[in-house]
Amino acid sequence: MRIKLLALLSATVILFSACAYALPEPVLVSATPAGNPVYTTAPQAIPYTAAVEYGSIINDPEIGGNGTIGYSVWVGQAGSPQNFVSQNEATATFRQSNAPEGTFTISGNIFSKRLRTGNYSIVVQITWQKQGEEWNWLIEIPFRVSGPEPAPVPAPRFNPVVILPLGWQRFPAGAANQFPVEIEMAQTAPGKILKYPSISKKLTNAENPDMGISDIPAWLAYGMDWTTGKLTGTQNVSAGLPAGNYYRKIHYYWREMPVVPNELEIFLYDYEVAVPFAVYNPQDDHFKAFRALPDINAIPGVPILARIFLDPGSDTISGVVATEDLPAELEYVELENNPTQKPESAANPYVWLVKNAKGITFKEIRYGIKVREGTPAGTVITLSGKAEILGSTLDIGGDNTITVSGIAQECPMPNQVLLGHIDRWSRTNRGRLAMGEAELWDMGLLQIIEKWRNCIRGLPT
């Protein structure tokens, strides 16, 4: 990598993609704004220009001549130009002039919408392509923002809403089925126009809703109006899809702009909706309650996520009382931004009440637990809980044991110990562990990092 500093212009040209052949660098002739100026955090347009001479590339005897030159512009963190800010913080427009031959001038505006106090760069990427190879250089034009915290991004005025299906769809295992799906972008307040809606989609198992699974046994065939954002389609359920509870998740992305165009008031939003359906075993389609715990050993003092699932099956159940009686080695932890309900009780045993006049549907309860400090490594902790419905009480099934980890039992945790765990996590993911060395996956590493953070912050663990 070669770096050329042009101190006179207060800008930087960086070659960041190396090819087998080293081309001459483009030369930055002039750039504005100059002198690393300071702007306020108020929304504003910041004009810029960058004049570049690249005749030495065109005249290069090996790669020059009839290549293709391209440009792009964004706002990045100063010193880390490829660490770009979000479109809701700042966007860029640009136009270019390519006269005379071998030169070009890029100019436009940076629309600073919600930039916080800090050091930034207007980043111009120059790309030269020829003979199947590509060279890239970055021009950085530095500036600074200073002032009070900017206003929050306005709340969206559109949101995706599931029109069809209405509630859970249930199908017997071993048979092919399908059902219609319809989603609309509902306008919740006037004053903005919907622009450029798009989606991504994935299929998840309800018991592990953050992890996508293969679409092949349950694919969504759909069409979308790219102006209104309305999606219509068919969710297919193949005969080979195993019994279970599923979510077809559809993540919407869109922009909202004012009726009178203003770049400073265009914002990007996203929101995910879920279409639930179930495949059931007709011979075992009754109320069940089961628990899911992370497949890791628990480090004392570090919270982990526990989940209880209530599945009514084909039974019509108006109410459930779920009780979790935590053993002495475990402590309840209140989750931040918990999408599920809190317990009715403030102390052990913890109790949740779920009710619905029309009958409950598949329900998830989330809560946090942590192993108390001082619990010996290797201890196996057993959870026991009950789920009561009218006339019946069931044990909560599924995962019911937690093994205490031998990692990071006490503070302080030296940085080298942490880095050793990160190295083992990296080698686990790359399949480079030594014979007999224990695996360390993402959830285990996150626990270790949380323990390290608590240690350096002096927090009680």
Protein backbone atom coordinates (compact mmCIF):
# COMPACT_ATOMS: atom_id res chain seq x y z
CA MET A 1 0.00 0.00 0.00
CA ARG A 2 1.30 3.49 -0.85
CA ILE A 3 0.16 6.67 0.84
CA LYS A 4 0.78 10.13 -0.57
CA LEU A 5 0.16 13.11 1.73
CA LEU A 6 -0.60 16.48 0.17
CA ALA A 7 -0.23 18.72 3.18
CA LEU A 8 -0.58 21.91 1.14
CA LEU A 9 -4.11 20.97 0.13
CA SER A 10 -5.01 19.43 3.52
CA ALA A 11 -6.19 16.30 1.73
CA THR A 12 -4.95 12.74 1.28
CA VAL A 13 -4.72 10.35 -1.68
CA ILE A 14 -4.60 6.67 -0.66
CA LEU A 15 -4.17 3.62 -2.87
CA PHE A 16 -6.20 0.93 -1.08
CA SER A 17 -6.52 -1.91 -3.61
CA ALA A 18 -3.23 -3.34 -4.79
CA CYS A 19 -2.97 -5.12 -8.16
CA ALA A 20 -0.07 -7.01 -9.68
CA TYR A 21 0.97 -3.88 -11.57
CA ALA A 22 1.48 -0.52 -9.80
CA LEU A 23 -0.08 2.36 -11.73
CA PRO A 24 0.99 5.97 -11.20
CA GLU A 25 -1.20 7.73 -8.67
CA PRO A 26 -3.70 10.36 -9.74
CA VAL A 27 -2.64 13.82 -8.61
CA LEU A 28 -4.98 15.98 -6.53
CA VAL A 29 -4.64 19.49 -7.94
CA SER A 30 -7.08 21.30 -5.66
CA ALA A 31 -9.79 20.51 -3.12
CA THR A 32 -12.39 22.42 -1.13
CA PRO A 33 -13.27 22.91 1.64
CA ALA A 34 -9.65 23.55 2.64
CA GLY A 35 -8.00 23.92 6.02
CA ASN A 36 -10.13 21.39 7.93
CA PRO A 37 -13.03 23.83 8.55
CA VAL A 38 -15.51 23.49 11.42
CA TYR A 39 -19.28 23.26 10.81
CA THR A 40 -22.13 23.18 13.31
CA THR A 41 -24.32 20.14 13.99
CA ALA A 42 -27.30 21.95 12.44
CA PRO A 43 -28.60 20.41 9.18
CA GLN A 44 -26.82 22.08 6.26
CA ALA A 45 -25.37 21.64 2.78
CA ILE A 46 -21.56 21.66 2.60
CA PRO A 47 -20.23 22.33 -0.93
CA TYR A 48 -17.06 20.57 -2.03
CA THR A 49 -14.81 20.17 -5.10
CA ALA A 50 -11.88 17.92 -6.00
CA ALA A 51 -9.82 18.55 -9.15
CA VAL A 52 -7.71 15.55 -10.19
CA GLU A 53 -5.15 14.98 -12.94
CA TYR A 54 -4.71 11.37 -14.11
CA GLY A 55 -2.84 11.76 -17.40
CA SER A 56 0.01 9.63 -16.05
CA ILE A 57 -2.44 6.70 -15.82
CA ILE A 58 -3.69 7.17 -19.39
CA ASN A 59 -0.10 7.40 -20.67
CA ASP A 60 1.18 4.40 -18.71
CA PRO A 61 2.80 2.05 -21.28
CA GLU A 62 1.49 -1.13 -19.64
CA ILE A 63 -2.05 -0.43 -18.43
CA GLY A 64 -2.91 3.07 -19.68
CA GLY A 65 -4.83 4.01 -22.77
CA ASN A 66 -8.49 3.12 -23.15
CA GLY A 67 -9.37 2.17 -19.60
CA THR A 68 -12.49 3.19 -17.68
CA ILE A 69 -12.43 5.71 -14.88
CA GLY A 70 -15.20 5.93 -12.27
CA TYR A 71 -15.99 7.93 -9.17
CA SER A 72 -18.09 7.75 -6.00
CA VAL A 73 -18.43 10.04 -2.98
CA TRP A 74 -19.39 9.50 0.67
CA VAL A 75 -18.71 10.85 4.17
CA GLY A 76 -16.36 8.79 6.32
CA GLN A 77 -14.72 8.96 9.71
CA ALA A 78 -11.47 10.93 9.63
CA GLY A 79 -8.55 8.53 9.36
CA SER A 80 -10.88 5.63 8.53
CA PRO A 81 -12.35 6.67 5.16
CA GLN A 82 -14.03 3.32 4.51
CA ASN A 83 -15.89 3.59 7.81
CA PHE A 84 -18.71 5.63 6.30
CA VAL A 85 -21.53 7.32 8.19
CA SER A 86 -25.16 6.29 7.76
CA GLN A 87 -27.42 7.85 5.14
CA ASN A 88 -29.47 9.40 7.93
CA GLU A 89 -26.36 11.23 9.17
CA ALA A 90 -25.09 12.56 5.84
CA THR A 91 -25.42 11.95 2.10
CA ALA A 92 -23.54 13.27 -0.92
CA THR A 93 -24.38 14.41 -4.42
CA PHE A 94 -21.76 14.77 -7.14
CA ARG A 95 -21.26 15.71 -10.75
CA GLN A 96 -18.09 15.53 -12.77
CA SER A 97 -16.43 17.37 -15.60
CA ASN A 98 -13.83 15.49 -17.68
CA ALA A 99 -12.29 18.33 -19.66
CA PRO A 100 -9.55 18.61 -20.67
CA GLU A 101 -8.58 14.98 -21.31
CA GLY A 102 -6.72 13.40 -18.43
CA THR A 103 -8.37 15.59 -15.81
CA PHE A 104 -11.66 15.66 -14.01
CA THR A 105 -13.36 17.78 -11.39
CA ILE A 106 -15.86 16.28 -8.94
CA SER A 107 -18.16 18.74 -7.21
CA GLY A 108 -21.39 18.66 -5.25
CA ASN A 109 -22.81 18.96 -1.77
CA ILE A 110 -22.53 17.00 1.44
CA PHE A 111 -25.93 17.12 3.14
CA SER A 112 -25.13 17.02 6.84
CA LYS A 113 -28.40 15.89 8.44
CA ARG A 114 -27.54 14.42 11.83
CA LEU A 115 -23.73 14.46 12.10
CA ARG A 116 -22.53 14.56 15.70
CA THR A 117 -19.48 16.41 16.98
CA GLY A 118 -16.39 14.74 15.50
CA ASN A 119 -13.81 14.62 12.73
CA TYR A 120 -14.94 13.53 9.27
CA SER A 121 -13.75 13.33 5.67
CA ILE A 122 -15.45 13.88 2.35
CA VAL A 123 -14.22 10.75 0.57
CA VAL A 124 -13.90 10.63 -3.23
CA GLN A 125 -13.14 7.17 -4.59
CA ILE A 126 -11.41 7.02 -7.99
CA THR A 127 -11.51 3.71 -9.87
CA TRP A 128 -9.51 2.73 -12.97
CA GLN A 129 -10.48 -0.48 -14.75
CA LYS A 130 -8.70 -2.21 -17.62
CA GLN A 131 -7.87 -5.74 -18.73
CA GLY A 132 -9.96 -7.30 -15.97
CA GLU A 133 -8.11 -5.48 -13.20
CA GLU A 134 -9.15 -2.60 -11.01
CA TRP A 135 -7.23 0.10 -9.12
CA ASN A 136 -8.84 2.29 -6.46
CA TRP A 137 -7.67 5.46 -4.76
CA LEU A 138 -9.36 7.48 -2.06
CA ILE A 139 -9.19 11.26 -1.73
CA GLU A 140 -9.96 12.53 1.77
CA ILE A 141 -11.05 16.14 2.30
CA PRO A 142 -11.19 16.64 6.08
CA PHE A 143 -13.69 18.71 8.03
CA ARG A 144 -14.95 18.89 11.60
CA VAL A 145 -18.41 19.14 13.14
CA SER A 146 -18.95 20.74 16.55
CA GLY A 147 -22.05 21.65 18.50
CA PRO A 148 -24.96 20.30 20.53
CA GLU A 149 -26.38 16.83 19.99
CA PRO A 150 -28.41 16.87 16.75
CA ALA A 151 -32.13 16.23 16.82
CA PRO A 152 -33.22 12.58 16.53
CA VAL A 153 -34.20 11.21 13.15
CA PRO A 154 -37.94 11.86 12.65
CA ALA A 155 -40.26 8.94 13.27
CA PRO A 156 -41.33 7.16 10.06
CA ARG A 157 -44.66 8.08 8.50
CA PHE A 158 -45.02 4.74 6.73
CA ASN A 159 -44.85 1.24 8.16
CA PRO A 160 -45.37 -2.25 6.70
CA VAL A 161 -48.56 -3.95 7.91
CA VAL A 162 -49.50 -7.61 7.41
CA ILE A 163 -52.96 -7.75 5.80
CA LEU A 164 -52.93 -11.50 5.13
CA PRO A 165 -52.80 -13.96 6.78
CA LEU A 166 -54.76 -13.12 9.92
CA GLY A 167 -52.89 -14.84 12.73
CA TRP A 168 -51.22 -18.23 12.84
CA GLN A 169 -51.70 -20.66 9.95
CA ARG A 170 -51.50 -24.34 10.93
CA PHE A 171 -50.98 -27.39 8.69
CA PRO A 172 -50.52 -31.13 9.35
CA ALA A 173 -47.05 -32.53 8.78
CA GLY A 174 -46.45 -34.63 5.68
CA ALA A 175 -48.75 -32.67 3.34
CA ALA A 176 -48.03 -29.82 0.95
CA ASN A 177 -49.93 -26.60 1.65
CA GLN A 178 -49.86 -22.90 0.87
CA PHE A 179 -51.49 -19.68 2.02
CA PRO A 180 -51.71 -16.10 0.70
CA VAL A 181 -49.48 -13.30 2.00
CA GLU A 182 -50.28 -9.61 1.60
CA ILE A 183 -48.34 -6.71 3.13
CA GLU A 184 -48.99 -3.02 2.64
CA MET A 185 -47.01 0.11 3.46
CA ALA A 186 -49.52 2.01 5.60
CA GLN A 187 -49.14 5.77 5.90
CA THR A 188 -49.44 6.73 9.57
CA ALA A 189 -49.04 10.52 9.16
CA PRO A 190 -49.14 12.98 6.22
CA GLY A 191 -46.33 15.17 4.91
CA LYS A 192 -43.90 12.68 3.36
CA ILE A 193 -43.71 10.61 0.16
CA LEU A 194 -42.65 6.95 0.10
CA LYS A 195 -39.66 6.25 -2.15
CA TYR A 196 -37.67 3.19 -3.20
CA PRO A 197 -39.19 0.44 -1.02
CA SER A 198 -37.33 -2.86 -1.07
CA ILE A 199 -37.25 -6.03 1.02
CA SER A 200 -35.14 -8.91 2.21
CA LYS A 201 -36.67 -12.12 3.53
CA LYS A 202 -35.77 -15.16 5.56
CA LEU A 203 -37.41 -18.18 7.15
CA THR A 204 -36.80 -18.82 10.85
CA ASN A 205 -37.81 -21.38 13.42
CA ALA A 206 -39.84 -19.68 16.15
CA GLU A 207 -37.70 -21.32 18.82
CA ASN A 208 -34.62 -19.59 17.35
CA PRO A 209 -36.11 -16.53 15.63
CA ASP A 210 -32.83 -14.73 14.91
CA MET A 211 -31.29 -17.53 12.80
CA GLY A 212 -32.42 -18.04 9.22
CA ILE A 213 -32.98 -21.53 7.83
CA SER A 214 -33.24 -22.86 4.28
CA ASP A 215 -36.12 -21.51 2.20
CA ILE A 216 -36.24 -24.63 0.05
CA PRO A 217 -38.94 -26.51 2.01
CA ALA A 218 -41.04 -23.33 2.52
CA TRP A 219 -40.46 -20.76 -0.20
CA LEU A 220 -42.30 -17.48 -0.69
CA ALA A 221 -43.42 -16.69 -4.25
CA TYR A 222 -44.25 -12.99 -4.42
CA GLY A 223 -44.60 -9.88 -6.49
CA MET A 224 -44.10 -6.32 -5.28
CA ASP A 225 -45.24 -2.88 -6.37
CA TRP A 226 -42.00 -0.94 -6.15
CA THR A 227 -43.90 2.36 -5.96
CA THR A 228 -46.37 1.62 -3.15
CA GLY A 229 -44.38 -1.15 -1.46
CA LYS A 230 -47.35 -3.55 -1.51
CA LEU A 231 -46.34 -7.22 -1.53
CA THR A 232 -48.65 -10.02 -2.63
CA GLY A 233 -47.62 -13.62 -2.76
CA THR A 234 -48.01 -17.22 -1.69
CA GLN A 235 -46.19 -18.90 1.16
CA ASN A 236 -45.59 -22.53 0.21
CA VAL A 237 -45.24 -25.28 2.80
CA SER A 238 -43.76 -28.47 1.41
CA ALA A 239 -44.61 -31.96 2.64
CA GLY A 240 -41.03 -32.33 3.83
CA LEU A 241 -41.03 -29.39 6.26
CA PRO A 242 -40.59 -30.83 9.78
CA ALA A 243 -43.19 -30.19 12.48
CA GLY A 244 -42.52 -26.91 14.26
CA ASN A 245 -43.43 -23.25 14.54
CA TYR A 246 -42.07 -20.89 11.87
CA TYR A 247 -41.85 -17.22 10.98
CA ARG A 248 -41.62 -15.91 7.43
CA LYS A 249 -39.76 -12.68 8.18
CA ILE A 250 -39.88 -9.83 5.67
CA HIS A 251 -37.61 -6.85 6.28
CA TYR A 252 -38.66 -3.62 4.59
CA TYR A 253 -36.31 -0.76 3.66
CA TRP A 254 -37.57 2.56 2.33
CA ARG A 255 -36.92 6.30 2.08
CA GLU A 256 -39.26 9.13 2.99
CA MET A 257 -38.95 12.56 1.42
CA PRO A 258 -40.96 15.78 1.77
CA VAL A 259 -43.52 16.75 -0.84
CA VAL A 260 -41.27 19.69 -1.76
CA PRO A 261 -37.87 18.00 -2.38
CA ASN A 262 -35.22 18.80 0.23
CA GLU A 263 -32.16 16.57 0.55
CA LEU A 264 -31.78 17.51 4.22
CA GLU A 265 -35.16 15.95 5.02
CA ILE A 266 -34.80 12.59 3.22
CA PHE A 267 -34.37 9.71 5.65
CA LEU A 268 -33.95 5.95 5.36
CA TYR A 269 -36.01 3.54 7.49
CA ASP A 270 -36.37 -0.17 7.96
CA TYR A 271 -38.79 -2.46 9.78
CA GLU A 272 -39.37 -6.20 9.95
CA VAL A 273 -42.72 -7.99 9.96
CA ALA A 274 -43.26 -11.68 10.64
CA VAL A 275 -45.86 -14.04 9.16
CA PRO A 276 -46.31 -17.01 11.55
CA PHE A 277 -47.27 -20.54 10.60
CA ALA A 278 -47.01 -23.99 12.15
CA VAL A 279 -46.60 -27.55 10.95
CA TYR A 280 -47.97 -30.01 13.51
CA ASN A 281 -48.04 -33.72 14.17
CA PRO A 282 -51.74 -34.71 14.31
CA GLN A 283 -50.97 -37.46 16.85
CA ASP A 284 -49.40 -34.97 19.28
CA ASP A 285 -51.12 -31.65 18.78
CA HIS A 286 -51.92 -30.55 22.31
CA PHE A 287 -50.70 -27.87 24.70
CA LYS A 288 -46.97 -27.91 25.41
CA ALA A 289 -44.57 -25.68 27.34
CA PHE A 290 -40.83 -25.90 26.81
CA ARG A 291 -37.69 -23.92 27.61
CA ALA A 292 -34.74 -22.96 25.37
CA LEU A 293 -31.30 -22.10 26.78
CA PRO A 294 -28.09 -21.14 24.93
CA ASP A 295 -25.91 -24.08 23.96
CA ILE A 296 -22.95 -22.78 26.00
CA ASN A 297 -21.42 -23.08 29.45
CA ALA A 298 -22.37 -20.07 31.60
CA ILE A 299 -19.74 -17.72 33.04
CA PRO A 300 -20.64 -16.53 36.56
CA GLY A 301 -21.88 -12.94 36.59
CA VAL A 302 -22.66 -12.78 32.85
CA PRO A 303 -26.35 -12.73 31.84
CA ILE A 304 -27.69 -15.28 29.38
CA LEU A 305 -31.06 -15.40 27.64
CA ALA A 306 -33.69 -17.94 28.68
CA ARG A 307 -36.93 -18.44 26.78
CA ILE A 308 -40.16 -20.28 27.58
CA PHE A 309 -42.49 -21.22 24.71
CA LEU A 310 -46.19 -21.87 25.16
CA ASP A 311 -47.69 -23.86 22.27
CA PRO A 312 -51.45 -24.52 22.50
CA GLY A 313 -51.48 -26.89 19.52
CA SER A 314 -55.09 -27.55 18.51
CA ASP A 315 -56.35 -26.95 22.06
CA THR A 316 -58.38 -23.84 22.76
CA ILE A 317 -56.79 -22.35 25.87
CA SER A 318 -57.83 -18.99 27.25
CA GLY A 319 -55.16 -18.67 29.94
CA VAL A 320 -51.77 -20.01 31.08
CA VAL A 321 -49.80 -19.36 34.28
CA ALA A 322 -46.11 -20.13 33.78
CA THR A 323 -43.86 -20.35 36.86
CA GLU A 324 -40.07 -20.51 36.94
CA ASP A 325 -38.58 -21.37 40.36
CA LEU A 326 -34.90 -20.49 40.02
CA PRO A 327 -32.38 -22.53 42.02
CA ALA A 328 -30.07 -20.76 44.51
CA GLU A 329 -27.18 -20.65 42.01
CA LEU A 330 -29.15 -18.50 39.54
CA GLU A 331 -30.21 -14.86 39.65
CA TYR A 332 -32.98 -13.24 37.59
CA VAL A 333 -31.86 -10.39 35.26
CA GLU A 334 -34.21 -7.79 33.79
CA LEU A 335 -33.71 -7.62 30.00
CA GLU A 336 -33.40 -4.28 28.23
CA ASN A 337 -35.81 -3.75 25.32
CA ASN A 338 -37.54 -7.03 26.11
CA PRO A 339 -40.16 -7.61 23.40
CA THR A 340 -42.07 -10.01 25.65
CA GLN A 341 -43.96 -9.37 28.87
CA LYS A 342 -42.39 -9.01 32.32
CA PRO A 343 -43.20 -11.42 35.16
CA GLU A 344 -46.08 -10.63 37.48
CA SER A 345 -43.86 -11.26 40.51
CA ALA A 346 -40.82 -9.23 41.58
CA ALA A 347 -39.03 -12.11 43.32
CA ASN A 348 -38.44 -15.82 42.96
CA PRO A 349 -40.48 -17.79 41.95
CA TYR A 350 -41.19 -15.73 38.81
CA VAL A 351 -44.69 -15.97 37.38
CA TRP A 352 -46.14 -14.96 34.00
CA LEU A 353 -49.84 -14.79 33.13
CA VAL A 354 -50.86 -15.19 29.49
CA LYS A 355 -54.52 -14.83 28.51
CA ASN A 356 -56.65 -14.29 25.41
CA ALA A 357 -60.45 -14.41 25.17
CA LYS A 358 -60.26 -16.02 21.71
CA GLY A 359 -57.60 -18.52 22.75
CA ILE A 360 -53.86 -18.01 23.05
CA THR A 361 -51.56 -18.61 20.10
CA PHE A 362 -47.90 -19.68 20.16
CA LYS A 363 -46.25 -17.45 22.76
CA GLU A 364 -42.64 -16.70 23.71
CA ILE A 365 -41.53 -15.42 27.13
CA ARG A 366 -37.97 -14.05 27.40
CA TYR A 367 -36.02 -13.37 30.57
CA GLY A 368 -32.38 -13.12 31.67
CA ILE A 369 -30.52 -15.21 34.22
CA LYS A 370 -26.93 -15.31 35.45
CA VAL A 371 -24.93 -17.72 37.55
CA ARG A 372 -24.02 -16.24 40.91
CA GLU A 373 -20.37 -15.41 41.54
CA GLY A 374 -18.52 -18.09 43.47
CA THR A 375 -20.39 -21.02 41.93
CA PRO A 376 -17.75 -23.69 41.25
CA ALA A 377 -16.79 -24.44 37.66
CA GLY A 378 -18.42 -27.59 36.33
CA THR A 379 -21.53 -27.23 38.51
CA VAL A 380 -24.63 -28.46 36.68
CA ILE A 381 -27.65 -26.31 37.61
CA THR A 382 -31.13 -27.71 37.01
CA LEU A 383 -34.14 -25.50 36.31
CA SER A 384 -37.69 -26.56 37.04
CA GLY A 385 -40.84 -24.79 36.03
CA LYS A 386 -44.55 -25.39 35.68
CA ALA A 387 -47.20 -24.34 33.18
CA GLU A 388 -50.78 -24.41 34.41
CA ILE A 389 -53.91 -24.38 32.31
CA LEU A 390 -57.45 -24.86 33.53
CA GLY A 391 -57.64 -28.36 35.03
CA SER A 392 -54.03 -29.34 34.36
CA THR A 393 -50.41 -28.60 35.34
CA LEU A 394 -47.44 -29.55 33.16
CA ASP A 395 -43.70 -29.49 33.70
CA ILE A 396 -41.89 -27.06 31.41
CA GLY A 397 -39.92 -29.31 29.08
CA GLY A 398 -37.01 -28.68 26.74
CA ASP A 399 -33.64 -27.44 28.05
CA ASN A 400 -33.36 -27.61 31.83
CA THR A 401 -29.66 -27.60 32.77
CA ILE A 402 -26.85 -25.04 32.79
CA THR A 403 -23.21 -25.99 33.25
CA VAL A 404 -20.93 -23.43 34.89
CA SER A 405 -17.93 -22.51 32.77
CA GLY A 406 -14.37 -22.68 34.04
CA ILE A 407 -13.45 -19.57 32.00
CA ALA A 408 -13.03 -16.13 33.54
CA GLN A 409 -14.10 -16.98 37.07
CA GLU A 410 -12.58 -13.93 38.76
CA CYS A 411 -11.68 -10.30 38.05
CA PRO A 412 -9.36 -8.93 36.88
CA MET A 413 -9.23 -10.53 33.45
CA PRO A 414 -5.90 -9.55 31.81
CA ASN A 415 -6.14 -8.25 28.25
CA GLN A 416 -3.84 -11.05 27.07
CA VAL A 417 -6.28 -13.62 28.48
CA LEU A 418 -9.11 -11.98 26.55
CA LEU A 419 -7.04 -11.89 23.36
CA GLY A 420 -6.22 -15.56 23.82
CA HIS A 421 -9.94 -16.36 23.90
CA ILE A 422 -10.50 -14.23 20.78
CA ASP A 423 -7.71 -16.13 19.04
CA ARG A 424 -9.32 -19.46 19.95
CA TRP A 425 -12.72 -18.16 18.77
CA SER A 426 -11.11 -17.15 15.45
CA ARG A 427 -9.43 -20.52 15.02
CA THR A 428 -12.70 -22.28 15.89
CA ASN A 429 -14.46 -20.45 13.06
CA ARG A 430 -11.60 -21.17 10.63
CA GLY A 431 -11.27 -24.85 11.58
CA ARG A 432 -7.73 -24.34 12.90
CA LEU A 433 -7.97 -25.73 16.45
CA ALA A 434 -5.19 -27.92 17.81
CA MET A 435 -5.94 -31.56 18.60
CA GLY A 436 -8.05 -31.72 21.78
CA GLU A 437 -8.50 -27.93 22.02
CA ALA A 438 -12.01 -26.88 23.08
CA GLU A 439 -14.17 -24.99 20.59
CA LEU A 440 -15.24 -21.42 21.32
CA TRP A 441 -18.18 -20.10 19.29
CA ASP A 442 -19.84 -16.68 19.13
CA MET A 443 -22.11 -16.91 22.18
CA GLY A 444 -19.29 -18.16 24.37
CA LEU A 445 -16.99 -15.33 23.28
CA LEU A 446 -19.73 -12.73 23.90
CA GLN A 447 -19.97 -13.98 27.48
CA ILE A 448 -16.22 -13.67 27.95
CA ILE A 449 -16.17 -10.13 26.52
CA GLU A 450 -19.05 -9.10 28.82
CA LYS A 451 -17.14 -10.45 31.82
CA TRP A 452 -14.02 -8.53 30.73
CA ARG A 453 -16.06 -5.33 30.33
CA ASN A 454 -17.58 -5.70 33.78
CA CYS A 455 -14.10 -6.19 35.22
CA ILE A 456 -12.56 -3.08 33.64
CA ARG A 457 -15.62 -0.96 34.51
CA GLY A 458 -15.54 -2.10 38.11
CA LEU A 459 -19.15 -3.20 37.86
CA PRO A 460 -20.58 -5.75 40.28
CA THR A 461 -20.77 -9.15 38.56
